[in-house]
Each structure stands twice: as structure tokens, then as C-alpha cells.
PDB file of N, CA and C in Angstrom:
ATOM      1  N   UNK A   1     -46.110 -15.228  35.046  1.00  0.00           N
ATOM      2  CA  UNK A   1     -46.918 -16.147  34.825  1.00  0.00           C
ATOM      3  C   UNK A   1     -46.764 -16.751  33.449  1.00  0.00           C
ATOM      4  N   UNK A   2     -47.266 -15.835  32.665  1.00  0.00           N
ATOM      5  CA  UNK A   2     -47.382 -15.792  31.097  1.00  0.00           C
ATOM      6  C   UNK A   2     -45.988 -16.502  30.613  1.00  0.00           C
ATOM      7  N   UNK A   3     -45.043 -15.860  30.949  1.00  0.00           N
ATOM      8  CA  UNK A   3     -43.673 -16.196  30.354  1.00  0.00           C
ATOM      9  C   UNK A   3     -43.398 -17.509  30.933  1.00  0.00           C
ATOM     10  N   UNK A   4     -43.646 -18.070  32.127  1.00  0.00           N
ATOM     11  CA  UNK A   4     -43.331 -19.443  32.744  1.00  0.00           C
ATOM     12  C   UNK A   4     -44.104 -20.326  31.603  1.00  0.00           C
ATOM     13  N   UNK A   5     -45.232 -20.230  31.256  1.00  0.00           N
ATOM     14  CA  UNK A   5     -45.894 -20.757  30.147  1.00  0.00           C
ATOM     15  C   UNK A   5     -45.484 -20.839  28.725  1.00  0.00           C
ATOM     16  N   UNK A   6     -44.964 -19.710  28.482  1.00  0.00           N
ATOM     17  CA  UNK A   6     -44.407 -19.438  27.091  1.00  0.00           C
ATOM     18  C   UNK A   6     -43.350 -20.419  26.972  1.00  0.00           C
ATOM     19  N   UNK A   7     -42.385 -20.163  28.079  1.00  0.00           N
ATOM     20  CA  UNK A   7     -41.053 -20.958  27.955  1.00  0.00           C
ATOM     21  C   UNK A   7     -41.174 -22.488  27.991  1.00  0.00           C
ATOM     22  N   UNK A   8     -42.224 -23.046  28.842  1.00  0.00           N
ATOM     23  CA  UNK A   8     -42.691 -24.176  28.859  1.00  0.00           C
ATOM     24  C   UNK A   8     -42.893 -24.771  27.458  1.00  0.00           C
ATOM     25  N   UNK A   9     -43.958 -24.168  26.760  1.00  0.00           N
ATOM     26  CA  UNK A   9     -44.425 -24.457  25.225  1.00  0.00           C
ATOM     27  C   UNK A   9     -43.215 -24.470  24.516  1.00  0.00           C
ATOM     28  N   UNK A  10     -42.438 -23.405  24.497  1.00  0.00           N
ATOM     29  CA  UNK A  10     -41.337 -23.344  23.865  1.00  0.00           C
ATOM     30  C   UNK A  10     -40.314 -24.662  23.856  1.00  0.00           C
ATOM     31  N   UNK A  11     -39.926 -24.810  24.993  1.00  0.00           N
ATOM     32  CA  UNK A  11     -39.093 -25.778  25.371  1.00  0.00           C
ATOM     33  C   UNK A  11     -39.655 -27.483  24.844  1.00  0.00           C
ATOM     34  N   UNK A  12     -41.170 -27.575  25.139  1.00  0.00           N
ATOM     35  CA  UNK A  12     -41.644 -29.230  24.586  1.00  0.00           C
ATOM     36  C   UNK A  12     -41.632 -28.725  22.972  1.00  0.00           C
ATOM     37  N   UNK A  13     -41.846 -27.700  22.548  1.00  0.00           N
ATOM     38  CA  UNK A  13     -42.299 -27.894  20.818  1.00  0.00           C
ATOM     39  C   UNK A  13     -40.802 -28.048  20.351  1.00  0.00           C
ATOM     40  N   UNK A  14     -39.835 -27.217  20.928  1.00  0.00           N
ATOM     41  CA  UNK A  14     -38.485 -27.394  20.486  1.00  0.00           C
ATOM     42  C   UNK A  14     -37.965 -29.136  20.727  1.00  0.00           C
ATOM     43  N   UNK A  15     -38.276 -29.702  21.701  1.00  0.00           N
ATOM     44  CA  UNK A  15     -38.067 -31.056  22.005  1.00  0.00           C
ATOM     45  C   UNK A  15     -38.926 -32.006  20.834  1.00  0.00           C
ATOM     46  N   UNK A  16     -39.820 -31.665  20.477  1.00  0.00           N
ATOM     47  CA  UNK A  16     -40.500 -32.483  19.770  1.00  0.00           C
ATOM     48  C   UNK A  16     -39.975 -32.153  18.336  1.00  0.00           C
ATOM     49  N   UNK A  17     -39.698 -31.188  18.169  1.00  0.00           N
ATOM     50  CA  UNK A  17     -39.129 -30.717  16.464  1.00  0.00           C
ATOM     51  C   UNK A  17     -37.788 -31.466  16.394  1.00  0.00           C
ATOM     52  N   UNK A  18     -37.041 -31.443  17.355  1.00  0.00           N
ATOM     53  CA  UNK A  18     -35.792 -32.213  17.631  1.00  0.00           C
ATOM     54  C   UNK A  18     -35.888 -33.743  17.451  1.00  0.00           C
ATOM     55  N   UNK A  19     -36.783 -34.296  18.005  1.00  0.00           N
ATOM     56  CA  UNK A  19     -36.760 -35.777  17.813  1.00  0.00           C
ATOM     57  C   UNK A  19     -37.739 -36.044  16.631  1.00  0.00           C
ATOM     58  N   UNK A  20     -38.498 -35.236  16.143  1.00  0.00           N
ATOM     59  CA  UNK A  20     -39.124 -35.513  14.768  1.00  0.00           C
ATOM     60  C   UNK A  20     -38.036 -35.084  13.491  1.00  0.00           C
ATOM     61  N   UNK A  21     -36.902 -34.167  13.681  1.00  0.00           N
ATOM     62  CA  UNK A  21     -36.025 -34.142  12.843  1.00  0.00           C
ATOM     63  C   UNK A  21     -34.747 -35.258  12.814  1.00  0.00           C
ATOM     64  N   UNK A  22     -34.719 -35.932  13.803  1.00  0.00           N
ATOM     65  CA  UNK A  22     -33.715 -37.213  14.015  1.00  0.00           C
ATOM     66  C   UNK A  22     -34.572 -38.049  13.165  1.00  0.00           C
ATOM     67  N   UNK A  23     -35.660 -38.250  13.928  1.00  0.00           N
ATOM     68  CA  UNK A  23     -36.669 -39.471  13.074  1.00  0.00           C
ATOM     69  C   UNK A  23     -36.341 -39.108  11.462  1.00  0.00           C
ATOM     70  N   UNK A  24     -36.458 -38.442  10.902  1.00  0.00           N
ATOM     71  CA  UNK A  24     -36.608 -38.032   9.420  1.00  0.00           C
ATOM     72  C   UNK A  24     -35.227 -38.270   9.052  1.00  0.00           C
ATOM     73  N   UNK A  25     -34.329 -37.996   9.724  1.00  0.00           N
ATOM     74  CA  UNK A  25     -32.724 -37.860   8.991  1.00  0.00           C
ATOM     75  C   UNK A  25     -32.628 -39.838   9.231  1.00  0.00           C
ATOM     76  N   UNK A  26     -32.996 -40.360  10.212  1.00  0.00           N
ATOM     77  CA  UNK A  26     -32.473 -42.121  10.285  1.00  0.00           C
ATOM     78  C   UNK A  26     -33.242 -42.224   9.415  1.00  0.00           C
ATOM     79  N   UNK A  27     -34.725 -41.970   9.197  1.00  0.00           N
ATOM     80  CA  UNK A  27     -35.322 -42.799   7.869  1.00  0.00           C
ATOM     81  C   UNK A  27     -34.690 -42.322   6.579  1.00  0.00           C
ATOM     82  N   UNK A  28     -34.373 -41.551   6.254  1.00  0.00           N
ATOM     83  CA  UNK A  28     -33.582 -40.984   4.843  1.00  0.00           C
ATOM     84  C   UNK A  28     -32.415 -41.853   4.610  1.00  0.00           C
ATOM     85  N   UNK A  29     -31.689 -41.739   5.876  1.00  0.00           N
ATOM     86  CA  UNK A  29     -30.522 -42.733   5.971  1.00  0.00           C
ATOM     87  C   UNK A  29     -30.569 -44.112   5.738  1.00  0.00           C
ATOM     88  N   UNK A  30     -31.358 -44.603   6.444  1.00  0.00           N
ATOM     89  CA  UNK A  30     -31.959 -46.089   6.005  1.00  0.00           C
ATOM     90  C   UNK A  30     -32.413 -46.460   4.790  1.00  0.00           C
ATOM     91  N   UNK A  31     -33.094 -45.671   4.406  1.00  0.00           N
ATOM     92  CA  UNK A  31     -33.518 -46.022   2.713  1.00  0.00           C
ATOM     93  C   UNK A  31     -32.476 -45.721   1.689  1.00  0.00           C
ATOM     94  N   UNK A  32     -31.367 -44.756   2.330  1.00  0.00           N
ATOM     95  CA  UNK A  32     -30.233 -44.754   1.292  1.00  0.00           C
ATOM     96  C   UNK A  32     -29.479 -45.968   1.362  1.00  0.00           C
ATOM     97  N   UNK A  33     -29.387 -46.536   2.288  1.00  0.00           N
ATOM     98  CA  UNK A  33     -28.319 -47.511   2.715  1.00  0.00           C
ATOM     99  C   UNK A  33     -29.105 -48.930   1.963  1.00  0.00           C
ATOM    100  N   UNK A  34     -30.286 -48.865   2.112  1.00  0.00           N
ATOM    101  CA  UNK A  34     -31.256 -49.828   1.449  1.00  0.00           C
ATOM    102  C   UNK A  34     -31.042 -50.022  -0.044  1.00  0.00           C
ATOM    103  N   UNK A  35     -30.967 -48.673  -0.551  1.00  0.00           N
ATOM    104  CA  UNK A  35     -30.640 -48.296  -2.012  1.00  0.00           C
ATOM    105  C   UNK A  35     -29.482 -48.869  -2.415  1.00  0.00           C
ATOM    106  N   UNK A  36     -28.443 -48.542  -1.598  1.00  0.00           N
ATOM    107  CA  UNK A  36     -26.698 -49.205  -2.021  1.00  0.00           C
ATOM    108  C   UNK A  36     -26.826 -50.232  -2.104  1.00  0.00           C
ATOM    109  N   UNK A  37     -27.512 -50.953  -1.008  1.00  0.00           N
ATOM    110  CA  UNK A  37     -27.193 -52.569  -1.194  1.00  0.00           C
ATOM    111  C   UNK A  37     -27.763 -53.125  -2.169  1.00  0.00           C
ATOM    112  N   UNK A  38     -28.497 -52.587  -3.059  1.00  0.00           N
ATOM    113  CA  UNK A  38     -29.043 -53.188  -4.122  1.00  0.00           C
ATOM    114  C   UNK A  38     -28.094 -53.095  -5.266  1.00  0.00           C
ATOM    115  N   UNK A  39     -26.959 -52.267  -5.412  1.00  0.00           N
ATOM    116  CA  UNK A  39     -26.037 -52.284  -6.808  1.00  0.00           C
ATOM    117  C   UNK A  39     -25.110 -53.838  -6.581  1.00  0.00           C
ATOM    118  N   UNK A  40     -25.409 -54.057  -7.631  1.00  0.00           N
ATOM    119  CA  UNK A  40     -25.247 -55.740  -7.881  1.00  0.00           C
ATOM    120  C   UNK A  40     -23.592 -55.713  -8.322  1.00  0.00           C
ATOM    121  N   UNK A  41     -22.783 -54.744  -8.338  1.00  0.00           N
ATOM    122  CA  UNK A  41     -21.429 -54.908  -8.931  1.00  0.00           C
ATOM    123  C   UNK A  41     -20.450 -55.726  -8.233  1.00  0.00           C
ATOM    124  N   UNK A  42     -20.674 -56.086  -7.048  1.00  0.00           N
ATOM    125  CA  UNK A  42     -19.400 -57.103  -6.301  1.00  0.00           C
ATOM    126  C   UNK A  42     -20.130 -58.416  -6.848  1.00  0.00           C
ATOM    127  N   UNK A  43     -21.090 -58.677  -7.484  1.00  0.00           N
ATOM    128  CA  UNK A  43     -21.291 -59.973  -7.766  1.00  0.00           C
ATOM    129  C   UNK A  43     -21.426 -60.113  -9.207  1.00  0.00           C
ATOM    130  N   UNK A  44     -20.677 -59.339  -9.920  1.00  0.00           N
ATOM    131  CA  UNK A  44     -20.868 -59.530 -11.431  1.00  0.00           C
ATOM    132  C   UNK A  44     -19.291 -59.924 -12.222  1.00  0.00           C
ATOM    133  N   UNK A  45     -19.677 -60.452 -13.177  1.00  0.00           N
ATOM    134  CA  UNK A  45     -18.275 -61.304 -13.931  1.00  0.00           C
ATOM    135  C   UNK A  45     -17.468 -59.855 -14.160  1.00  0.00           C
ATOM    136  N   UNK A  46     -17.806 -58.857 -14.859  1.00  0.00           N
ATOM    137  CA  UNK A  46     -17.003 -58.095 -15.408  1.00  0.00           C
ATOM    138  C   UNK A  46     -16.559 -56.966 -14.234  1.00  0.00           C
ATOM    139  N   UNK A  47     -16.776 -57.245 -12.714  1.00  0.00           N
ATOM    140  CA  UNK A  47     -16.330 -56.020 -11.738  1.00  0.00           C
ATOM    141  C   UNK A  47     -14.551 -56.898 -11.546  1.00  0.00           C
ATOM    142  N   UNK A  48     -13.945 -56.258 -11.345  1.00  0.00           N
ATOM    143  CA  UNK A  48     -12.346 -56.201 -11.582  1.00  0.00           C
ATOM    144  C   UNK A  48     -11.861 -56.213 -10.147  1.00  0.00           C
ATOM    145  N   UNK A  49     -12.541 -55.812  -9.286  1.00  0.00           N
ATOM    146  CA  UNK A  49     -11.915 -55.524  -7.898  1.00  0.00           C
ATOM    147  C   UNK A  49     -10.850 -54.494  -7.655  1.00  0.00           C
ATOM    148  N   UNK A  50     -10.432 -53.859  -8.511  1.00  0.00           N
ATOM    149  CA  UNK A  50      -9.369 -53.127  -8.573  1.00  0.00           C
ATOM    150  C   UNK A  50      -9.787 -51.589  -9.072  1.00  0.00           C
ATOM    151  N   UNK A  51      -9.320 -50.613  -7.811  1.00  0.00           N
ATOM    152  CA  UNK A  51      -9.944 -49.262  -7.935  1.00  0.00           C
ATOM    153  C   UNK A  51      -9.395 -48.487  -9.181  1.00  0.00           C
ATOM    154  N   UNK A  52      -8.949 -48.966 -10.038  1.00  0.00           N
ATOM    155  CA  UNK A  52      -8.599 -48.270 -11.102  1.00  0.00           C
ATOM    156  C   UNK A  52      -9.267 -48.224 -12.112  1.00  0.00           C
ATOM    157  N   UNK A  53      -9.544 -49.568 -12.440  1.00  0.00           N
ATOM    158  CA  UNK A  53     -11.006 -50.140 -13.183  1.00  0.00           C
ATOM    159  C   UNK A  53     -11.851 -50.985 -12.724  1.00  0.00           C
ATOM    160  N   UNK A  54     -12.902 -50.582 -12.314  1.00  0.00           N
ATOM    161  CA  UNK A  54     -13.863 -51.250 -11.511  1.00  0.00           C
ATOM    162  C   UNK A  54     -14.625 -52.195 -12.230  1.00  0.00           C
ATOM    163  N   UNK A  55     -15.081 -51.768 -13.472  1.00  0.00           N
ATOM    164  CA  UNK A  55     -15.666 -52.436 -14.108  1.00  0.00           C
ATOM    165  C   UNK A  55     -15.337 -52.424 -15.867  1.00  0.00           C
ATOM    166  N   UNK A  56     -14.984 -53.610 -16.483  1.00  0.00           N
ATOM    167  CA  UNK A  56     -14.581 -53.558 -18.049  1.00  0.00           C
ATOM    168  C   UNK A  56     -15.767 -52.957 -18.866  1.00  0.00           C
ATOM    169  N   UNK A  57     -16.911 -53.150 -18.221  1.00  0.00           N
ATOM    170  CA  UNK A  57     -18.033 -52.817 -19.510  1.00  0.00           C
ATOM    171  C   UNK A  57     -18.556 -51.372 -18.965  1.00  0.00           C
ATOM    172  N   UNK A  58     -18.945 -51.089 -17.990  1.00  0.00           N
ATOM    173  CA  UNK A  58     -19.330 -49.756 -17.337  1.00  0.00           C
ATOM    174  C   UNK A  58     -18.407 -49.130 -16.556  1.00  0.00           C
ATOM    175  N   UNK A  59     -17.521 -48.601 -16.805  1.00  0.00           N
ATOM    176  CA  UNK A  59     -16.341 -48.126 -15.718  1.00  0.00           C
ATOM    177  C   UNK A  59     -16.797 -46.949 -14.930  1.00  0.00           C
ATOM    178  N   UNK A  60     -17.625 -46.244 -15.824  1.00  0.00           N
ATOM    179  CA  UNK A  60     -18.339 -44.553 -15.120  1.00  0.00           C
ATOM    180  C   UNK A  60     -19.636 -45.160 -14.178  1.00  0.00           C
ATOM    181  N   UNK A  61     -20.001 -46.126 -14.117  1.00  0.00           N
ATOM    182  CA  UNK A  61     -21.255 -46.526 -13.686  1.00  0.00           C
ATOM    183  C   UNK A  61     -20.986 -47.474 -12.858  1.00  0.00           C
ATOM    184  N   UNK A  62     -19.496 -47.932 -12.467  1.00  0.00           N
ATOM    185  CA  UNK A  62     -19.405 -49.187 -11.716  1.00  0.00           C
ATOM    186  C   UNK A  62     -19.610 -48.647 -10.270  1.00  0.00           C
ATOM    187  N   UNK A  63     -20.127 -49.123  -9.134  1.00  0.00           N
ATOM    188  CA  UNK A  63     -20.474 -49.068  -7.828  1.00  0.00           C
ATOM    189  C   UNK A  63     -21.069 -47.891  -7.614  1.00  0.00           C
ATOM    190  N   UNK A  64     -22.127 -47.338  -8.499  1.00  0.00           N
ATOM    191  CA  UNK A  64     -22.915 -46.358  -8.069  1.00  0.00           C
ATOM    192  C   UNK A  64     -24.459 -46.395  -8.098  1.00  0.00           C
ATOM    193  N   UNK A  65     -25.255 -45.705  -7.881  1.00  0.00           N
ATOM    194  CA  UNK A  65     -26.743 -46.128  -7.883  1.00  0.00           C
ATOM    195  C   UNK A  65     -27.132 -46.177  -9.533  1.00  0.00           C
ATOM    196  N   UNK A  66     -26.285 -45.736 -10.580  1.00  0.00           N
ATOM    197  CA  UNK A  66     -26.610 -45.877 -11.989  1.00  0.00           C
ATOM    198  C   UNK A  66     -26.416 -47.460 -12.240  1.00  0.00           C
ATOM    199  N   UNK A  67     -25.826 -48.319 -11.488  1.00  0.00           N
ATOM    200  CA  UNK A  67     -25.542 -49.406 -11.814  1.00  0.00           C
ATOM    201  C   UNK A  67     -26.371 -50.708 -11.312  1.00  0.00           C
ATOM    202  N   UNK A  68     -27.544 -49.982 -10.457  1.00  0.00           N
ATOM    203  CA  UNK A  68     -28.625 -50.896 -10.022  1.00  0.00           C
ATOM    204  C   UNK A  68     -29.574 -52.044 -10.996  1.00  0.00           C
ATOM    205  N   UNK A  69     -29.615 -51.446 -12.135  1.00  0.00           N
ATOM    206  CA  UNK A  69     -30.502 -52.041 -13.489  1.00  0.00           C
ATOM    207  C   UNK A  69     -29.536 -52.269 -14.493  1.00  0.00           C
ATOM    208  N   UNK A  70     -28.140 -52.977 -14.223  1.00  0.00           N
ATOM    209  CA  UNK A  70     -27.353 -52.677 -15.264  1.00  0.00           C
ATOM    210  C   UNK A  70     -27.995 -53.892 -16.400  1.00  0.00           C
ATOM    211  N   UNK A  71     -27.739 -53.614 -17.367  1.00  0.00           N
ATOM    212  CA  UNK A  71     -28.322 -54.515 -18.343  1.00  0.00           C
ATOM    213  C   UNK A  71     -27.207 -55.595 -18.993  1.00  0.00           C
ATOM    214  N   UNK A  72     -25.933 -55.362 -18.688  1.00  0.00           N
ATOM    215  CA  UNK A  72     -24.807 -56.254 -18.639  1.00  0.00           C
ATOM    216  C   UNK A  72     -24.588 -57.051 -17.740  1.00  0.00           C
ATOM    217  N   UNK A  73     -25.069 -56.807 -16.667  1.00  0.00           N
ATOM    218  CA  UNK A  73     -24.805 -57.856 -15.405  1.00  0.00           C
ATOM    219  C   UNK A  73     -24.756 -59.179 -15.767  1.00  0.00           C
ATOM    220  N   UNK A  74     -23.505 -59.832 -15.471  1.00  0.00           N
ATOM    221  CA  UNK A  74     -23.473 -61.212 -15.491  1.00  0.00           C
ATOM    222  C   UNK A  74     -22.900 -62.138 -14.125  1.00  0.00           C
ATOM    223  N   UNK A  75     -23.324 -62.771 -13.741  1.00  0.00           N
ATOM    224  CA  UNK A  75     -23.155 -63.536 -12.453  1.00  0.00           C
ATOM    225  C   UNK A  75     -21.772 -64.069 -12.308  1.00  0.00           C
ATOM    226  N   UNK A  76     -21.089 -63.611 -11.291  1.00  0.00           N
ATOM    227  CA  UNK A  76     -19.372 -64.427 -11.231  1.00  0.00           C
ATOM    228  C   UNK A  76     -19.549 -65.754 -11.622  1.00  0.00           C
ATOM    229  N   UNK A  77     -18.682 -66.551 -11.942  1.00  0.00           N
ATOM    230  CA  UNK A  77     -18.018 -67.800 -12.210  1.00  0.00           C
ATOM    231  C   UNK A  77     -16.953 -68.157 -11.367  1.00  0.00           C
ATOM    232  N   UNK A  78     -16.441 -69.486 -11.472  1.00  0.00           N
ATOM    233  CA  UNK A  78     -15.195 -69.540 -10.756  1.00  0.00           C
ATOM    234  C   UNK A  78     -14.141 -68.964 -11.337  1.00  0.00           C
ATOM    235  N   UNK A  79     -14.110 -68.675 -12.565  1.00  0.00           N
ATOM    236  CA  UNK A  79     -12.895 -68.328 -13.232  1.00  0.00           C
ATOM    237  C   UNK A  79     -12.787 -67.047 -13.413  1.00  0.00           C
ATOM    238  N   UNK A  80     -13.533 -66.047 -12.848  1.00  0.00           N
ATOM    239  CA  UNK A  80     -13.725 -64.428 -12.957  1.00  0.00           C
ATOM    240  C   UNK A  80     -12.461 -63.849 -12.436  1.00  0.00           C
ATOM    241  N   UNK A  81     -12.289 -62.691 -12.948  1.00  0.00           N
ATOM    242  CA  UNK A  81     -11.095 -62.041 -12.628  1.00  0.00           C
ATOM    243  C   UNK A  81     -10.914 -61.710 -10.888  1.00  0.00           C
ATOM    244  N   UNK A  82     -11.869 -61.403 -10.713  1.00  0.00           N
ATOM    245  CA  UNK A  82     -11.801 -60.809  -9.093  1.00  0.00           C
ATOM    246  C   UNK A  82     -11.708 -62.332  -8.201  1.00  0.00           C
ATOM    247  N   UNK A  83     -12.173 -63.317  -8.873  1.00  0.00           N
ATOM    248  CA  UNK A  83     -11.668 -64.606  -8.156  1.00  0.00           C
ATOM    249  C   UNK A  83     -10.318 -64.998  -7.919  1.00  0.00           C
ATOM    250  N   UNK A  84      -9.607 -64.588  -9.004  1.00  0.00           N
ATOM    251  CA  UNK A  84      -8.151 -64.716  -9.032  1.00  0.00           C
ATOM    252  C   UNK A  84      -7.212 -63.934  -8.611  1.00  0.00           C
ATOM    253  N   UNK A  85      -7.778 -62.820  -7.661  1.00  0.00           N
ATOM    254  CA  UNK A  85      -6.879 -61.861  -7.076  1.00  0.00           C
ATOM    255  C   UNK A  85      -5.772 -62.327  -6.320  1.00  0.00           C
ATOM    256  N   UNK A  86      -5.778 -63.287  -5.458  1.00  0.00           N
ATOM    257  CA  UNK A  86      -5.111 -63.977  -4.691  1.00  0.00           C
ATOM    258  C   UNK A  86      -4.065 -64.903  -5.469  1.00  0.00           C
ATOM    259  N   UNK A  87      -4.205 -65.247  -6.386  1.00  0.00           N
ATOM    260  CA  UNK A  87      -3.345 -66.452  -7.208  1.00  0.00           C
ATOM    261  C   UNK A  87      -1.985 -65.726  -7.893  1.00  0.00           C
ATOM    262  N   UNK A  88      -0.871 -66.285  -7.791  1.00  0.00           N
ATOM    263  CA  UNK A  88       0.239 -65.815  -8.354  1.00  0.00           C
ATOM    264  C   UNK A  88       0.072 -65.835  -9.979  1.00  0.00           C
ATOM    265  N   UNK A  89       0.996 -65.055 -10.663  1.00  0.00           N
ATOM    266  CA  UNK A  89       0.950 -65.093 -12.109  1.00  0.00           C
ATOM    267  C   UNK A  89       2.266 -65.729 -12.486  1.00  0.00           C
ATOM    268  N   UNK A  90       2.430 -66.609 -13.488  1.00  0.00           N
ATOM    269  CA  UNK A  90       3.784 -66.719 -13.790  1.00  0.00           C
ATOM    270  C   UNK A  90       3.952 -66.673 -15.098  1.00  0.00           C
ATOM    271  N   UNK A  91       4.141 -65.327 -15.038  1.00  0.00           N
ATOM    272  CA  UNK A  91       4.436 -64.679 -16.416  1.00  0.00           C
ATOM    273  C   UNK A  91       5.918 -64.098 -16.674  1.00  0.00           C
TER     274      UNK A  91
END
């Protein structure tokens, strides 16, 4: 009888800890994704859209969490480098 009660409590305790662990993991993941969506590089004038040199001002910080409050951020204009990717160069 005591073994059944112990197994019952152990099973429910394990289930509660499993659900709690999943909840904490999802909460941390959602917070991390929200923080990553604050990275402004894709909307910056200095972002080149090239994997070799992502940013001409801060190439190491580009597209990372360090770029969230970039002091050199400039909004894109119509003549920026990333906007001209599909155009042919006549050189």
C-alpha cells in the first residue's frame, strides 16, 4: 500500500516538474527571440546584405545582440547598397 502511494506521488511530481521545465524553456526562448527582433541591422544604411561584410561601420557587431543600441544606425534610403542588389552594374 505504501509503495503505491509513493509511486503515485513520484509520478505526479515528475509530471509537474516536466511541465514546469517545458514552461520555463519556452518562456526563455520567447524572451530570446524578442531580443533578437530588436537588432536593427536589416534596416540600416550601412548594412550591405553580403555575408562577407555585413556592415561597413561595425562588421564584428553586425547582426548580433551587440548591435541593438548601435550609435551609428542610419535608416535606409532608396539609394542604399542593399537596395541595389538586383540591379546590374555596367562597368
